[in-house]
Protein backbone atom coordinates (compact mmCIF):
# COMPACT_ATOMS: atom_id res chain seq x y z
CA MET A 1 -13.68 16.72 -17.18
CA ASN A 2 -11.70 13.78 -17.13
CA VAL A 3 -8.40 12.90 -17.57
CA PRO A 4 -7.60 9.28 -18.86
CA VAL A 5 -5.19 7.14 -17.10
CA MET A 6 -2.80 6.63 -19.57
CA LEU A 7 -2.41 10.61 -20.11
CA ALA A 8 -2.09 10.88 -16.48
CA ALA A 9 0.29 8.25 -15.95
CA LYS A 10 2.44 9.46 -18.97
CA LEU A 11 2.38 12.91 -17.15
CA ILE A 12 3.12 11.84 -13.53
CA GLY A 13 5.89 9.05 -14.87
CA THR A 14 4.89 5.87 -14.35
CA SER A 15 3.13 3.12 -15.75
CA ALA A 16 -0.85 2.95 -16.79
CA ASP A 17 -1.08 0.02 -14.53
CA SER A 18 1.39 1.05 -11.45
CA LEU A 19 -1.69 4.28 -11.40
CA ARG A 20 -4.27 2.15 -11.54
CA TRP A 21 -3.07 0.19 -8.54
CA ALA A 22 -2.31 3.51 -6.50
CA LEU A 23 -5.95 5.06 -7.16
CA GLN A 24 -7.32 1.66 -6.16
CA LYS A 25 -5.11 1.04 -2.60
CA GLU A 26 -5.85 5.01 -2.47
CA ARG A 27 -2.24 5.67 -2.23
CA VAL A 28 -2.01 9.11 -4.66
CA ASP A 29 -4.84 12.19 -4.22
CA ILE A 30 -5.26 12.94 -7.30
CA GLY A 31 -9.11 10.47 -8.06
CA TRP A 32 -10.31 8.07 -7.37
CA ALA A 33 -11.24 4.42 -8.16
CA ILE A 34 -14.43 2.00 -7.94
CA LYS A 35 -15.02 -1.26 -8.56
CA LYS A 36 -18.57 -2.08 -10.62
CA SER A 37 -19.35 -5.05 -11.06
CA GLN A 38 -16.17 -7.08 -12.19
CA ARG A 39 -14.31 -4.11 -14.33
CA TRP A 40 -12.90 -0.69 -12.36
CA MET A 41 -14.13 2.76 -12.89
CA TYR A 42 -11.13 5.57 -12.30
CA LYS A 43 -11.83 9.36 -11.99
CA ILE A 44 -8.85 11.93 -12.52
CA SER A 45 -9.59 15.17 -11.28
CA PRO A 46 -7.14 17.74 -13.76
CA LYS A 47 -7.18 20.30 -10.70
CA LYS A 48 -5.42 17.64 -8.56
CA LEU A 49 -3.52 16.41 -11.38
CA ALA A 50 -2.08 19.43 -11.88
CA ASP A 51 -1.56 20.26 -8.38
CA TYR A 52 -0.07 16.29 -8.14
CA THR A 53 2.67 17.52 -11.18
CA GLY A 54 3.28 21.17 -11.22
CA GLU A 55 1.49 21.47 -14.70
CA PRO A 56 -0.90 24.19 -15.39
CA LEU A 57 -4.16 23.43 -15.15
CA GLU A 58 -4.84 24.97 -18.67
CA LYS A 59 -1.82 22.71 -20.54
CA ILE A 60 -3.82 19.37 -18.50
CA ASN A 61 -7.21 20.28 -19.99
CA GLN A 62 -5.65 20.86 -23.05
CA LEU A 63 -3.57 17.49 -23.21
CA VAL A 64 -7.17 16.04 -22.47
CA ALA A 65 -8.96 17.80 -25.22
CA ASP A 66 -6.29 16.76 -28.09
CA TYR A 67 -6.45 13.54 -26.31
CA ARG A 68 -10.21 12.85 -26.97
CA LYS A 69 -9.47 14.19 -30.31
CA GLY A 70 -7.07 11.88 -31.01
CA VAL A 71 -3.82 13.87 -31.07
CA ARG A 72 -1.03 12.11 -29.17
CA ALA A 73 1.76 13.53 -27.47
């Protein structure tokens, strides 16, 4: 499962653009960013995000599930 950048940024307390930059520059160890052609792709690990934020993994998994269903916190 991949955590959307917008959701991860909200949990960390930063903007999505700042989080994208940090992933591209390897400044945070919660996932990775890779450039394919002209687009960046992002993978954010729920487990690493839980460790980084101190939030329970179950809560993050539920937030991701809700986000994908269109439920916004």
